[in-house]
Amino acid sequence: MRIGIAGITGRLGALCAEEVVASRLDLEIGRA
């Protein structure tokens, strides 16, 4: 269970991080 939970939270964290980076890139491109 611990490994499964860690894997799920890790995937969710990675997705959130990718969304944040993408949003920042979009803002930078929009400003430029």
Protein backbone atom coordinates (compact mmCIF):
# COMPACT_ATOMS: atom_id res chain seq x y z
CA MET A 1 0.00 0.00 0.00
CA ARG A 2 2.76 2.45 0.89
CA ILE A 3 4.49 1.89 -2.45
CA GLY A 4 1.18 2.24 -4.33
CA ILE A 5 0.28 5.46 -2.51
CA ALA A 6 3.76 6.86 -3.06
CA GLY A 7 3.56 6.01 -6.75
CA ILE A 8 0.17 7.71 -7.15
CA THR A 9 1.21 10.83 -5.23
CA GLY A 10 4.45 10.94 -7.21
CA ARG A 11 2.57 10.83 -10.50
CA LEU A 12 0.11 13.51 -9.36
CA GLY A 13 3.00 15.68 -8.17
CA ALA A 14 4.77 15.28 -11.52
CA LEU A 15 1.59 16.22 -13.42
CA CYS A 16 1.08 19.30 -11.22
CA ALA A 17 4.71 20.32 -11.72
CA GLU A 18 4.37 19.94 -15.50
CA GLU A 19 1.20 22.07 -15.48
CA VAL A 20 2.94 24.79 -13.44
CA VAL A 21 5.94 24.82 -15.78
CA ALA A 22 3.67 24.90 -18.84
CA SER A 23 1.63 27.79 -17.40
CA ARG A 24 4.83 29.72 -16.64
CA LEU A 25 6.11 29.13 -20.18
CA ASP A 26 2.77 30.30 -21.60
CA LEU A 27 2.95 33.47 -19.48
CA GLU A 28 6.54 34.13 -20.60
CA ILE A 29 5.63 33.56 -24.27
CA GLY A 30 2.56 35.78 -23.91
CA ARG A 31 4.65 38.58 -22.40
CA ALA A 32 7.31 38.25 -25.08
